[in-house]
Amino acid sequence: MLASPNAADITAIRRPDGSYASQVEPLGIPGVARQLAAGASSANTALTTTCRRVSMRAATASLRFEVGSSSQTASATTSHFLNVNERIDIALPATPNIAVIRDDATDAVLELTEFL
């Protein structure tokens, strides 16, 4: 038996609790495209203040990142991991900032698209 009448609909999205959402929130309109360098030290970038989502990809090597509403510091051991060529889309807080750092000995580039 399906958990929801929407479960059979291809547009339904399953939540972690097993229920279904019939609406999908769009990413938004593409804004600024950025290439952020991830080196041996953490580097913070203030994103466009009206940006609420980003799509990002580790283009050249694995990296780590932190996101917050003020200046951030990324750690090479405890921050969020993004493997080389992996893409992730995330929501952002107000006045978004992102910090990046390489995961190992190879510098990386984070390809980031802001959505407004």
N, C-alpha and C. Protein backbone atom coordinates (compact mmCIF):
# COMPACT_ATOMS: atom_id res chain seq x y z
N MET A 1 0.84 -1.18 0.00
CA MET A 1 0.00 0.00 0.00
C MET A 1 0.89 1.24 0.00
N LEU A 2 0.53 2.23 -0.80
CA LEU A 2 1.30 3.45 -0.89
C LEU A 2 1.06 4.34 0.32
N ALA A 3 2.09 5.04 0.77
CA ALA A 3 2.00 5.92 1.94
C ALA A 3 1.17 7.16 1.66
N SER A 4 1.01 7.53 0.42
CA SER A 4 0.30 8.75 0.05
C SER A 4 -0.27 8.56 -1.35
N PRO A 5 -1.37 9.23 -1.66
CA PRO A 5 -1.87 9.15 -3.03
C PRO A 5 -0.85 9.69 -4.03
N ASN A 6 0.04 10.54 -3.57
CA ASN A 6 1.06 11.12 -4.44
C ASN A 6 2.22 10.16 -4.71
N ALA A 7 2.30 9.10 -3.97
CA ALA A 7 3.46 8.21 -4.08
C ALA A 7 3.59 7.58 -5.46
N ALA A 8 2.48 7.38 -6.14
CA ALA A 8 2.54 6.78 -7.47
C ALA A 8 2.86 7.80 -8.55
N ASP A 9 2.77 9.07 -8.19
CA ASP A 9 3.03 10.15 -9.15
C ASP A 9 4.53 10.35 -9.28
N ILE A 10 5.01 10.38 -10.50
CA ILE A 10 6.46 10.50 -10.73
C ILE A 10 7.01 11.82 -10.20
N THR A 11 6.15 12.84 -10.00
CA THR A 11 6.62 14.13 -9.50
C THR A 11 6.70 14.16 -7.98
N ALA A 12 6.22 13.12 -7.31
CA ALA A 12 6.27 13.09 -5.85
C ALA A 12 7.71 12.84 -5.37
N ILE A 13 8.05 13.46 -4.27
CA ILE A 13 9.38 13.32 -3.68
C ILE A 13 9.23 12.65 -2.31
N ARG A 14 9.98 11.61 -2.06
CA ARG A 14 9.91 10.91 -0.78
C ARG A 14 10.79 11.61 0.23
N ARG A 15 10.22 11.94 1.39
CA ARG A 15 10.95 12.55 2.50
C ARG A 15 11.62 11.45 3.33
N PRO A 16 12.60 11.82 4.15
CA PRO A 16 13.27 10.81 4.99
C PRO A 16 12.32 10.07 5.92
N ASP A 17 11.20 10.71 6.34
CA ASP A 17 10.26 10.03 7.25
C ASP A 17 9.31 9.08 6.52
N GLY A 18 9.45 8.96 5.18
CA GLY A 18 8.62 8.04 4.42
C GLY A 18 7.39 8.69 3.80
N SER A 19 7.07 9.92 4.20
CA SER A 19 5.94 10.61 3.58
C SER A 19 6.38 11.20 2.25
N TYR A 20 5.42 11.72 1.49
CA TYR A 20 5.71 12.24 0.17
C TYR A 20 5.30 13.71 0.05
N ALA A 21 6.09 14.46 -0.67
CA ALA A 21 5.77 15.84 -1.01
C ALA A 21 5.46 15.89 -2.49
N SER A 22 4.36 16.53 -2.85
CA SER A 22 3.98 16.57 -4.26
C SER A 22 4.52 17.81 -4.96
N GLN A 23 5.11 18.72 -4.22
CA GLN A 23 5.65 19.92 -4.83
C GLN A 23 7.16 19.91 -4.70
N VAL A 24 7.83 20.34 -5.76
CA VAL A 24 9.28 20.42 -5.76
C VAL A 24 9.65 21.90 -5.84
N GLU A 25 10.51 22.33 -4.95
CA GLU A 25 10.93 23.72 -4.95
C GLU A 25 12.02 23.93 -6.00
N PRO A 26 11.82 24.87 -6.93
CA PRO A 26 12.84 25.11 -7.96
C PRO A 26 14.07 25.78 -7.38
N LEU A 27 15.20 25.60 -8.04
CA LEU A 27 16.42 26.24 -7.58
C LEU A 27 16.35 27.75 -7.69
N GLY A 28 15.74 28.27 -8.74
CA GLY A 28 15.64 29.71 -8.94
C GLY A 28 16.32 30.12 -10.24
N ILE A 29 16.54 31.41 -10.36
CA ILE A 29 17.15 31.98 -11.56
C ILE A 29 18.66 32.03 -11.36
N PRO A 30 19.45 31.53 -12.32
CA PRO A 30 20.91 31.60 -12.17
C PRO A 30 21.37 33.05 -12.03
N GLY A 31 22.24 33.25 -11.08
CA GLY A 31 22.82 34.57 -10.84
C GLY A 31 24.30 34.55 -11.19
N VAL A 32 25.13 34.85 -10.21
CA VAL A 32 26.57 34.93 -10.42
C VAL A 32 27.17 33.52 -10.51
N ALA A 33 28.08 33.33 -11.47
CA ALA A 33 28.85 32.10 -11.59
C ALA A 33 30.23 32.39 -11.01
N ARG A 34 30.71 31.52 -10.14
CA ARG A 34 32.00 31.74 -9.48
C ARG A 34 32.91 30.52 -9.62
N GLN A 35 34.19 30.78 -9.63
CA GLN A 35 35.21 29.74 -9.52
C GLN A 35 36.04 30.08 -8.29
N LEU A 36 35.89 29.29 -7.24
CA LEU A 36 36.56 29.57 -5.97
C LEU A 36 37.76 28.64 -5.81
N ALA A 37 38.91 29.22 -5.52
CA ALA A 37 40.14 28.44 -5.33
C ALA A 37 40.17 27.88 -3.91
N ALA A 38 40.44 26.58 -3.82
CA ALA A 38 40.56 25.89 -2.53
C ALA A 38 42.01 25.45 -2.39
N GLY A 39 42.75 26.15 -1.58
CA GLY A 39 44.16 25.85 -1.37
C GLY A 39 44.40 25.29 0.02
N ALA A 40 45.64 25.43 0.50
CA ALA A 40 46.05 24.87 1.79
C ALA A 40 45.42 25.61 2.97
N SER A 41 44.99 26.86 2.76
CA SER A 41 44.35 27.65 3.82
C SER A 41 42.91 27.92 3.44
N SER A 42 42.07 28.05 4.45
CA SER A 42 40.66 28.34 4.22
C SER A 42 40.50 29.71 3.57
N ALA A 43 39.61 29.80 2.58
CA ALA A 43 39.32 31.07 1.91
C ALA A 43 37.81 31.30 1.92
N ASN A 44 37.37 32.42 2.49
CA ASN A 44 35.95 32.76 2.59
C ASN A 44 35.54 33.67 1.43
N THR A 45 34.32 33.45 0.92
CA THR A 45 33.74 34.32 -0.10
C THR A 45 32.34 34.70 0.34
N ALA A 46 32.05 36.01 0.33
CA ALA A 46 30.68 36.48 0.59
C ALA A 46 29.91 36.37 -0.72
N LEU A 47 28.80 35.65 -0.70
CA LEU A 47 27.98 35.48 -1.89
C LEU A 47 26.98 36.64 -1.98
N THR A 48 26.30 36.75 -3.11
CA THR A 48 25.29 37.78 -3.30
C THR A 48 24.26 37.70 -2.18
N THR A 49 23.92 38.82 -1.58
CA THR A 49 23.05 38.80 -0.39
C THR A 49 21.67 38.23 -0.66
N THR A 50 21.19 38.32 -1.91
CA THR A 50 19.86 37.78 -2.24
C THR A 50 19.89 36.33 -2.70
N CYS A 51 21.06 35.74 -2.75
CA CYS A 51 21.22 34.34 -3.14
C CYS A 51 20.69 33.43 -2.03
N ARG A 52 19.84 32.47 -2.39
CA ARG A 52 19.27 31.55 -1.40
C ARG A 52 19.59 30.09 -1.67
N ARG A 53 20.17 29.80 -2.84
CA ARG A 53 20.57 28.44 -3.20
C ARG A 53 21.79 28.50 -4.08
N VAL A 54 22.57 27.43 -4.05
CA VAL A 54 23.71 27.32 -4.95
C VAL A 54 23.78 25.90 -5.48
N SER A 55 24.38 25.77 -6.65
CA SER A 55 24.76 24.48 -7.20
C SER A 55 26.28 24.54 -7.28
N MET A 56 26.96 23.54 -6.76
CA MET A 56 28.42 23.59 -6.77
C MET A 56 29.00 22.22 -7.11
N ARG A 57 30.19 22.30 -7.75
CA ARG A 57 30.90 21.10 -8.19
C ARG A 57 32.38 21.28 -7.92
N ALA A 58 33.00 20.26 -7.35
CA ALA A 58 34.45 20.24 -7.16
C ALA A 58 35.06 19.87 -8.51
N ALA A 59 35.67 20.85 -9.18
CA ALA A 59 36.07 20.66 -10.58
C ALA A 59 37.40 19.96 -10.77
N THR A 60 38.37 20.19 -9.91
CA THR A 60 39.72 19.68 -10.20
C THR A 60 40.27 18.72 -9.15
N ALA A 61 39.73 18.76 -7.94
CA ALA A 61 40.17 17.89 -6.85
C ALA A 61 39.13 17.95 -5.75
N SER A 62 39.20 17.03 -4.81
CA SER A 62 38.28 17.02 -3.68
C SER A 62 38.55 18.22 -2.78
N LEU A 63 37.47 18.70 -2.15
CA LEU A 63 37.62 19.86 -1.27
C LEU A 63 36.64 19.75 -0.11
N ARG A 64 36.75 20.69 0.81
CA ARG A 64 35.83 20.78 1.95
C ARG A 64 35.28 22.20 2.01
N PHE A 65 34.06 22.34 2.58
CA PHE A 65 33.43 23.66 2.62
C PHE A 65 32.60 23.86 3.87
N GLU A 66 32.39 25.13 4.21
CA GLU A 66 31.49 25.54 5.30
C GLU A 66 30.63 26.67 4.76
N VAL A 67 29.36 26.70 5.16
CA VAL A 67 28.42 27.73 4.74
C VAL A 67 27.81 28.35 5.98
N GLY A 68 27.62 29.67 5.96
CA GLY A 68 26.99 30.35 7.08
C GLY A 68 26.57 31.76 6.69
N SER A 69 26.06 32.51 7.68
CA SER A 69 25.55 33.85 7.41
C SER A 69 26.56 34.95 7.73
N SER A 70 27.78 34.55 8.07
CA SER A 70 28.88 35.50 8.27
C SER A 70 30.15 34.81 7.78
N SER A 71 31.29 35.44 7.94
CA SER A 71 32.54 34.86 7.47
C SER A 71 32.75 33.47 8.06
N GLN A 72 33.15 32.52 7.22
CA GLN A 72 33.32 31.12 7.61
C GLN A 72 34.78 30.70 7.50
N THR A 73 35.12 29.63 8.23
CA THR A 73 36.45 29.02 8.13
C THR A 73 36.25 27.53 7.88
N ALA A 74 36.80 27.04 6.79
CA ALA A 74 36.70 25.62 6.45
C ALA A 74 37.89 24.87 7.03
N SER A 75 37.63 23.64 7.47
CA SER A 75 38.67 22.77 8.02
C SER A 75 38.93 21.62 7.05
N ALA A 76 40.19 21.27 6.87
CA ALA A 76 40.57 20.17 5.97
C ALA A 76 40.19 18.81 6.53
N THR A 77 39.74 18.74 7.78
CA THR A 77 39.40 17.44 8.36
C THR A 77 37.94 17.34 8.83
N THR A 78 37.30 18.46 9.17
CA THR A 78 35.96 18.36 9.75
C THR A 78 34.85 19.04 8.96
N SER A 79 35.17 19.81 7.93
CA SER A 79 34.14 20.49 7.15
C SER A 79 33.49 19.53 6.15
N HIS A 80 32.42 19.97 5.54
CA HIS A 80 31.67 19.16 4.59
C HIS A 80 32.56 18.79 3.40
N PHE A 81 32.49 17.54 2.99
CA PHE A 81 33.36 17.00 1.93
C PHE A 81 32.63 17.00 0.59
N LEU A 82 33.34 17.39 -0.47
CA LEU A 82 32.83 17.32 -1.83
C LEU A 82 33.91 16.66 -2.68
N ASN A 83 33.62 15.48 -3.19
CA ASN A 83 34.58 14.72 -3.98
C ASN A 83 34.75 15.34 -5.37
N VAL A 84 35.89 15.11 -5.99
CA VAL A 84 36.14 15.65 -7.33
C VAL A 84 35.03 15.21 -8.28
N ASN A 85 34.53 16.16 -9.07
CA ASN A 85 33.44 15.99 -10.04
C ASN A 85 32.08 15.73 -9.41
N GLU A 86 31.96 15.81 -8.10
CA GLU A 86 30.66 15.67 -7.46
C GLU A 86 29.95 17.02 -7.47
N ARG A 87 28.63 16.99 -7.68
CA ARG A 87 27.81 18.21 -7.66
C ARG A 87 26.80 18.11 -6.53
N ILE A 88 26.55 19.24 -5.88
CA ILE A 88 25.56 19.31 -4.82
C ILE A 88 24.81 20.63 -4.93
N ASP A 89 23.51 20.60 -4.68
CA ASP A 89 22.68 21.79 -4.65
C ASP A 89 22.20 21.97 -3.22
N ILE A 90 22.41 23.18 -2.67
CA ILE A 90 22.03 23.41 -1.27
C ILE A 90 21.33 24.76 -1.11
N ALA A 91 20.53 24.86 -0.06
CA ALA A 91 19.91 26.12 0.34
C ALA A 91 20.90 26.89 1.22
N LEU A 92 20.74 28.20 1.27
CA LEU A 92 21.66 29.06 2.01
C LEU A 92 20.91 29.93 3.01
N PRO A 93 21.61 30.38 4.07
CA PRO A 93 21.02 31.33 5.00
C PRO A 93 21.07 32.75 4.42
N ALA A 94 20.46 33.70 5.10
CA ALA A 94 20.56 35.11 4.70
C ALA A 94 22.02 35.54 4.78
N THR A 95 22.40 36.51 3.98
CA THR A 95 23.79 37.01 3.87
C THR A 95 24.79 35.87 3.80
N PRO A 96 24.68 35.02 2.78
CA PRO A 96 25.48 33.79 2.72
C PRO A 96 26.97 34.02 2.47
N ASN A 97 27.76 33.20 3.14
CA ASN A 97 29.21 33.12 2.96
C ASN A 97 29.58 31.66 2.80
N ILE A 98 30.62 31.40 2.02
CA ILE A 98 31.13 30.04 1.88
C ILE A 98 32.65 30.08 2.00
N ALA A 99 33.18 29.13 2.75
CA ALA A 99 34.63 28.98 2.86
C ALA A 99 35.01 27.62 2.28
N VAL A 100 36.13 27.57 1.58
CA VAL A 100 36.62 26.33 0.98
C VAL A 100 38.08 26.11 1.34
N ILE A 101 38.45 24.83 1.34
CA ILE A 101 39.84 24.43 1.57
C ILE A 101 40.04 23.10 0.85
N ARG A 102 41.23 22.85 0.35
CA ARG A 102 41.48 21.58 -0.34
C ARG A 102 41.41 20.43 0.67
N ASP A 103 41.08 19.24 0.18
CA ASP A 103 40.96 18.08 1.07
C ASP A 103 42.29 17.38 1.28
N ASP A 104 43.19 17.45 0.31
CA ASP A 104 44.49 16.79 0.46
C ASP A 104 45.57 17.70 -0.10
N ALA A 105 46.59 17.17 -0.71
CA ALA A 105 47.73 17.97 -1.16
C ALA A 105 47.50 18.70 -2.48
N THR A 106 46.37 18.44 -3.15
CA THR A 106 46.11 19.04 -4.45
C THR A 106 45.13 20.20 -4.32
N ASP A 107 45.50 21.39 -4.81
CA ASP A 107 44.58 22.52 -4.83
C ASP A 107 43.36 22.17 -5.68
N ALA A 108 42.23 22.76 -5.35
CA ALA A 108 40.97 22.47 -6.03
C ALA A 108 40.30 23.77 -6.48
N VAL A 109 39.33 23.62 -7.38
CA VAL A 109 38.48 24.72 -7.80
C VAL A 109 37.03 24.32 -7.57
N LEU A 110 36.29 25.17 -6.89
CA LEU A 110 34.86 24.94 -6.69
C LEU A 110 34.11 25.78 -7.71
N GLU A 111 33.41 25.11 -8.62
CA GLU A 111 32.54 25.79 -9.57
C GLU A 111 31.21 26.00 -8.88
N LEU A 112 30.77 27.25 -8.74
CA LEU A 112 29.58 27.56 -7.96
C LEU A 112 28.68 28.47 -8.78
N THR A 113 27.39 28.11 -8.85
CA THR A 113 26.37 28.95 -9.48
C THR A 113 25.39 29.38 -8.41
N GLU A 114 25.21 30.69 -8.27
CA GLU A 114 24.23 31.24 -7.33
C GLU A 114 22.86 31.22 -7.99
N PHE A 115 21.82 30.94 -7.22
CA PHE A 115 20.44 31.02 -7.69
C PHE A 115 19.69 32.04 -6.85
N LEU A 116 18.99 32.94 -7.55
CA LEU A 116 18.30 34.04 -6.88
C LEU A 116 16.80 33.80 -6.83
